Amino acid sequence: MILSGSTSQALSAALAAETGESLAVAEYDRFPDGELLASVPTFDDNRAVVVCATTSSDAHLELLQLQDAAREAGAAEIVTVVPYMGYSRQDSAFKPGQPVSARAVARAISSGTDRVVLVTPHEESVADFFEVPCESVDASSLLADPLPDDLDEPLFLGPDESAQELAERVRDVYGAGDTDYFEKTRDYDTGEVSVRPSDASVENRDVVVVDDIIATGSTMSEAVGALADRGANDVFATCVHPVLTGNARTKLAAAGIEAVYGTDTVERDVSAVSVAPVVADAL
């Protein structure tokens, strides 16, 4: 049976439809003192597939409770699907005394499961932090699906060099266009990010900016603004994980973005495509 965290209900339903497995109805409660309780009173199976995007500290705890509830109800095998893994970007101690938060989170998740499936982690190396078998699946190729069919001489851009491979995958599935990337630098003391456009020609071309995560939207907005200054036509933003915190949507709209597309690893109104097929293949 598939057990859904509150952050992954649409994906869990899509995954149940894709795999033919039944979907247990979880209950999410909060006690007066603020403590959480995630339970699965309808669970009755030998195998549990827990699906929970850990977009908040509450979601992390919810995932651990669902794992434990399934085991308590008699599950002999637990598979945990983490569509979006919170804290995964802190995969090393950037300053003395800091934790490796991705490792701490992975260890906690490992304690209640037999296997883990991640979707397009920010760094593939985070899979090594888990103490149980962990497989990562890539959903970036799905990002071509919601794009308009008639893009004009499209250019697929990664916001930094590490994202160019993502842009290439989307371009390859789309079937036309070129790829390039922006040069991005980050000040780890202030958190400030600066973006310098590459030399690729964007004038009179449609541009698709591809990234794995859009969080605050600041970097993406700066990139889009630079493209507008250089005469680009329509600019689209697409990402696997549409975290979109705070005023990210407003920033992107103000920068002149035509549309934002993401997957349902983080369930937002821009989640235009489901990762259920690639997760189903892994299961």
Protein backbone atom coordinates (compact mmCIF):
# COMPACT_ATOMS: atom_id res chain seq x y z
CA MET A 1 0.00 0.00 0.00
CA ILE A 2 1.06 3.58 -0.66
CA LEU A 3 1.11 5.90 2.36
CA SER A 4 1.11 9.60 1.60
CA GLY A 5 2.56 12.41 3.63
CA SER A 6 0.43 15.55 3.63
CA THR A 7 2.91 17.23 1.28
CA SER A 8 2.65 14.54 -1.43
CA GLN A 9 -1.02 13.65 -1.75
CA ALA A 10 -1.40 14.30 -5.49
CA LEU A 11 1.82 12.46 -6.32
CA SER A 12 0.81 9.52 -4.12
CA ALA A 13 -2.53 9.27 -5.92
CA ALA A 14 -0.79 9.42 -9.30
CA LEU A 15 1.69 6.79 -8.17
CA ALA A 16 -1.12 4.49 -7.02
CA ALA A 17 -2.75 4.84 -10.42
CA GLU A 18 0.55 4.23 -12.20
CA THR A 19 1.47 1.11 -10.21
CA GLY A 20 -1.97 -0.32 -9.48
CA GLU A 21 -1.17 -0.40 -5.77
CA SER A 22 -3.80 0.63 -3.24
CA LEU A 23 -3.63 4.00 -1.49
CA ALA A 24 -4.10 4.13 2.26
CA VAL A 25 -5.83 7.18 3.68
CA ALA A 26 -3.52 8.78 6.20
CA GLU A 27 -4.70 11.10 8.96
CA TYR A 28 -2.72 14.16 10.03
CA ASP A 29 -3.41 15.68 13.44
CA ARG A 30 -1.81 18.23 15.73
CA PHE A 31 -2.05 18.17 19.52
CA PRO A 32 -2.74 21.37 21.50
CA ASP A 33 0.95 21.61 22.42
CA GLY A 34 1.89 21.63 18.73
CA GLU A 35 3.10 18.04 18.44
CA LEU A 36 2.15 16.16 15.27
CA LEU A 37 0.50 12.79 14.76
CA ALA A 38 0.46 11.09 11.35
CA SER A 39 -1.39 7.77 11.36
CA VAL A 40 -2.66 5.19 8.86
CA PRO A 41 -5.66 3.43 10.45
CA THR A 42 -6.60 1.77 7.12
CA PHE A 43 -3.16 0.26 6.45
CA ASP A 44 -3.21 -3.52 6.06
CA ASP A 45 -0.42 -4.85 3.87
CA ASN A 46 2.94 -6.54 4.02
CA ARG A 47 4.69 -3.73 2.13
CA ALA A 48 4.42 0.02 2.64
CA VAL A 49 5.55 2.69 0.20
CA VAL A 50 5.82 5.95 2.15
CA VAL A 51 5.78 9.02 -0.11
CA CYS A 52 6.61 12.34 1.52
CA ALA A 53 8.33 15.48 0.25
CA THR A 54 10.23 16.89 3.21
CA THR A 55 9.56 20.54 2.49
CA SER A 56 9.48 21.50 6.18
CA SER A 57 10.60 20.24 9.58
CA ASP A 58 7.03 19.09 10.20
CA ALA A 59 7.14 17.06 6.98
CA HIS A 60 10.36 15.38 8.10
CA LEU A 61 8.71 14.30 11.35
CA GLU A 62 5.56 13.21 9.50
CA LEU A 63 7.64 10.94 7.28
CA LEU A 64 9.29 9.29 10.30
CA GLN A 65 5.90 8.78 11.94
CA LEU A 66 4.42 7.20 8.81
CA GLN A 67 7.36 4.80 8.61
CA ASP A 68 6.89 3.83 12.23
CA ALA A 69 3.10 3.54 11.91
CA ALA A 70 3.48 1.16 8.96
CA ARG A 71 5.97 -0.98 10.84
CA GLU A 72 3.71 -0.98 13.91
CA ALA A 73 0.81 -2.12 11.70
CA GLY A 74 2.78 -5.14 10.51
CA ALA A 75 4.64 -4.05 7.37
CA ALA A 76 7.57 -6.38 6.73
CA GLU A 77 9.04 -4.08 4.09
CA ILE A 78 9.06 -0.29 3.94
CA VAL A 79 10.16 1.68 0.89
CA THR A 80 10.46 5.44 1.37
CA VAL A 81 10.06 7.76 -1.60
CA VAL A 82 11.42 11.26 -0.95
CA PRO A 83 10.33 13.33 -3.99
CA TYR A 84 12.01 16.44 -2.60
CA MET A 85 14.62 16.05 0.12
CA GLY A 86 14.83 19.03 2.40
CA TYR A 87 18.30 19.99 3.69
CA SER A 88 19.92 18.16 0.75
CA ARG A 89 21.79 21.29 -0.31
CA GLN A 90 23.77 21.31 2.93
CA ASP A 91 25.81 18.27 1.94
CA SER A 92 28.98 19.43 3.67
CA ALA A 93 29.99 21.64 6.58
CA PHE A 94 30.60 24.99 4.91
CA LYS A 95 31.93 26.61 8.10
CA PRO A 96 33.56 25.22 11.25
CA GLY A 97 31.01 23.87 13.68
CA GLN A 98 28.23 23.44 11.12
CA PRO A 99 26.45 20.11 10.68
CA VAL A 100 26.22 18.13 7.47
CA SER A 101 22.45 18.44 7.57
CA ALA A 102 21.84 16.16 4.57
CA ARG A 103 23.70 13.38 6.36
CA ALA A 104 21.75 13.89 9.60
CA VAL A 105 18.43 13.78 7.74
CA ALA A 106 19.46 10.72 5.72
CA ARG A 107 20.41 8.82 8.85
CA ALA A 108 17.06 9.59 10.46
CA ILE A 109 15.12 8.44 7.40
CA SER A 110 17.26 5.29 7.14
CA SER A 111 16.32 4.22 10.66
CA GLY A 112 12.73 3.45 9.66
CA THR A 113 12.96 2.04 6.16
CA ASP A 114 14.47 -0.77 4.10
CA ARG A 115 15.06 1.24 0.95
CA VAL A 116 14.94 4.87 -0.26
CA VAL A 117 14.10 6.40 -3.63
CA LEU A 118 15.09 10.04 -4.28
CA VAL A 119 13.99 12.18 -7.23
CA THR A 120 16.67 14.34 -8.89
CA PRO A 121 18.61 15.22 -5.73
CA HIS A 122 20.54 18.49 -5.85
CA GLU A 123 23.74 16.48 -5.43
CA GLU A 124 23.86 12.79 -6.33
CA SER A 125 26.32 12.25 -3.49
CA VAL A 126 23.58 12.67 -0.84
CA ALA A 127 22.44 9.13 -1.69
CA ASP A 128 25.65 7.90 -0.03
CA PHE A 129 24.54 9.32 3.32
CA PHE A 130 21.71 6.79 3.65
CA GLU A 131 22.40 3.68 5.66
CA VAL A 132 20.04 1.55 3.57
CA PRO A 133 20.02 1.01 -0.22
CA CYS A 134 19.20 4.33 -1.89
CA GLU A 135 18.41 4.92 -5.55
CA SER A 136 17.99 8.30 -7.22
CA VAL A 137 15.83 8.70 -10.31
CA ASP A 138 15.99 11.61 -12.71
CA ALA A 139 12.82 13.47 -13.66
CA SER A 140 14.39 16.32 -15.63
CA SER A 141 13.43 14.89 -19.02
CA LEU A 142 9.76 15.29 -18.08
CA LEU A 143 10.17 19.08 -18.09
CA ALA A 144 9.92 19.20 -21.88
CA ASP A 145 6.29 17.98 -21.77
CA PRO A 146 4.52 21.20 -20.70
CA LEU A 147 6.54 23.51 -22.98
CA PRO A 148 4.79 25.03 -26.03
CA ASP A 149 5.31 23.03 -29.21
CA ASP A 150 6.22 26.09 -31.28
CA LEU A 151 9.17 27.69 -29.46
CA ASP A 152 11.12 30.00 -31.77
CA GLU A 153 14.77 28.88 -32.13
CA PRO A 154 14.76 27.81 -28.49
CA LEU A 155 17.77 28.16 -26.24
CA PHE A 156 17.81 25.98 -23.11
CA LEU A 157 19.87 27.62 -20.38
CA GLY A 158 21.08 26.35 -17.04
CA PRO A 159 21.47 29.07 -14.38
CA ASP A 160 24.99 27.73 -13.75
CA GLU A 161 27.40 25.26 -15.34
CA SER A 162 26.23 22.37 -13.16
CA ALA A 163 22.70 22.75 -14.53
CA GLN A 164 23.68 22.60 -18.20
CA GLU A 165 23.31 18.83 -18.19
CA LEU A 166 19.70 19.28 -17.04
CA ALA A 167 19.16 21.77 -19.86
CA GLU A 168 20.59 19.30 -22.36
CA ARG A 169 18.22 16.55 -21.22
CA VAL A 170 15.21 18.84 -21.60
CA ARG A 171 16.43 20.02 -25.02
CA ASP A 172 16.98 16.46 -26.20
CA VAL A 173 13.44 15.44 -25.28
CA TYR A 174 11.99 18.63 -26.75
CA GLY A 175 13.81 17.81 -29.98
CA ALA A 176 15.15 21.22 -31.00
CA GLY A 177 17.32 24.09 -29.82
CA ASP A 178 20.71 24.85 -28.31
CA THR A 179 22.00 24.78 -24.74
CA ASP A 180 24.21 27.04 -22.64
CA TYR A 181 24.48 28.29 -19.07
CA PHE A 182 24.91 31.37 -16.89
CA GLU A 183 27.96 31.83 -14.72
CA LYS A 184 26.86 32.10 -11.09
CA THR A 185 28.86 32.93 -7.98
CA ARG A 186 27.64 32.76 -4.39
CA ASP A 187 28.98 34.56 -1.31
CA TYR A 188 28.60 31.97 1.46
CA ASP A 189 28.89 34.64 4.16
CA THR A 190 26.07 36.85 2.88
CA GLY A 191 24.22 34.32 0.70
CA GLU A 192 24.25 36.85 -2.16
CA VAL A 193 24.28 35.33 -5.64
CA SER A 194 25.45 37.12 -8.77
CA VAL A 195 24.71 35.90 -12.29
CA ARG A 196 26.65 36.78 -15.43
CA PRO A 197 25.12 35.85 -18.79
CA SER A 198 27.13 33.73 -21.15
CA ASP A 199 27.97 34.80 -24.68
CA ALA A 200 25.17 32.79 -26.26
CA SER A 201 22.98 34.76 -28.64
CA VAL A 202 19.44 35.16 -27.30
CA GLU A 203 18.11 37.96 -29.48
CA ASN A 204 14.73 37.12 -31.03
CA ARG A 205 14.82 33.62 -29.54
CA ASP A 206 12.58 31.90 -27.00
CA VAL A 207 14.56 30.87 -23.93
CA VAL A 208 13.90 28.09 -21.42
CA VAL A 209 15.80 28.41 -18.15
CA VAL A 210 16.17 24.96 -16.60
CA ASP A 211 17.13 24.21 -12.99
CA ASP A 212 16.62 21.42 -10.50
CA ILE A 213 15.19 23.73 -7.78
CA ILE A 214 13.56 27.15 -7.81
CA ALA A 215 13.44 28.27 -4.18
CA THR A 216 13.46 32.04 -3.57
CA GLY A 217 13.43 32.84 -7.30
CA SER A 218 16.17 35.44 -6.88
CA THR A 219 18.77 33.76 -9.09
CA MET A 220 16.20 32.83 -11.72
CA SER A 221 14.77 36.37 -11.75
CA GLU A 222 18.22 37.89 -12.21
CA ALA A 223 18.87 35.49 -15.08
CA VAL A 224 15.55 36.34 -16.74
CA GLY A 225 16.21 40.06 -16.38
CA ALA A 226 19.57 39.68 -18.09
CA LEU A 227 17.93 37.81 -20.96
CA ALA A 228 15.33 40.54 -21.45
CA ASP A 229 18.10 43.14 -21.63
CA ARG A 230 19.66 41.18 -24.48
CA GLY A 231 16.52 40.99 -26.61
CA ALA A 232 15.16 37.53 -25.86
CA ASN A 233 11.59 36.75 -26.88
CA ASP A 234 9.49 34.74 -24.40
CA VAL A 235 11.33 33.31 -21.40
CA PHE A 236 10.07 30.22 -19.60
CA ALA A 237 11.31 28.81 -16.29
CA THR A 238 11.17 25.10 -15.66
CA CYS A 239 12.41 23.03 -12.73
CA VAL A 240 12.02 19.64 -11.13
CA HIS A 241 11.37 21.00 -7.64
CA PRO A 242 9.17 24.16 -7.56
CA VAL A 243 9.78 25.10 -3.92
CA LEU A 244 8.86 28.76 -4.61
CA THR A 245 9.17 30.19 -1.13
CA GLY A 246 7.97 33.63 -0.02
CA ASN A 247 7.52 36.05 -2.91
CA ALA A 248 9.29 33.90 -5.50
CA ARG A 249 6.32 33.89 -7.87
CA THR A 250 6.09 37.69 -7.76
CA LYS A 251 9.82 38.04 -8.46
CA LEU A 252 9.55 35.79 -11.50
CA ALA A 253 6.49 37.58 -12.83
CA ALA A 254 8.11 40.99 -12.31
CA ALA A 255 11.19 39.80 -14.17
CA GLY A 256 8.99 39.15 -17.20
CA ILE A 257 8.79 35.38 -17.19
CA GLU A 258 6.16 33.97 -19.54
CA ALA A 259 5.38 30.83 -17.50
CA VAL A 260 6.81 28.60 -14.78
CA TYR A 261 6.59 24.81 -15.03
CA GLY A 262 7.54 22.26 -12.39
CA THR A 263 6.80 18.69 -11.35
CA ASP A 264 4.77 17.40 -8.42
CA THR A 265 7.79 16.57 -6.25
CA VAL A 266 6.72 19.77 -4.51
CA GLU A 267 3.00 20.28 -5.05
CA ARG A 268 2.37 23.80 -6.31
CA ASP A 269 0.02 25.37 -8.84
CA VAL A 270 2.89 25.21 -11.37
CA SER A 271 3.23 21.42 -11.01
CA ALA A 272 2.42 20.71 -14.64
CA VAL A 273 3.83 17.19 -14.88
CA SER A 274 3.99 14.20 -12.52
CA VAL A 275 7.09 12.21 -11.63
CA ALA A 276 4.92 9.17 -10.91
CA PRO A 277 6.08 7.24 -14.03
CA VAL A 278 9.80 7.45 -13.17
CA VAL A 279 9.15 6.62 -9.51
CA ALA A 280 6.94 3.69 -10.54
CA ASP A 281 9.78 2.33 -12.67
CA ALA A 282 12.08 2.44 -9.65
CA LEU A 283 9.52 0.68 -7.44
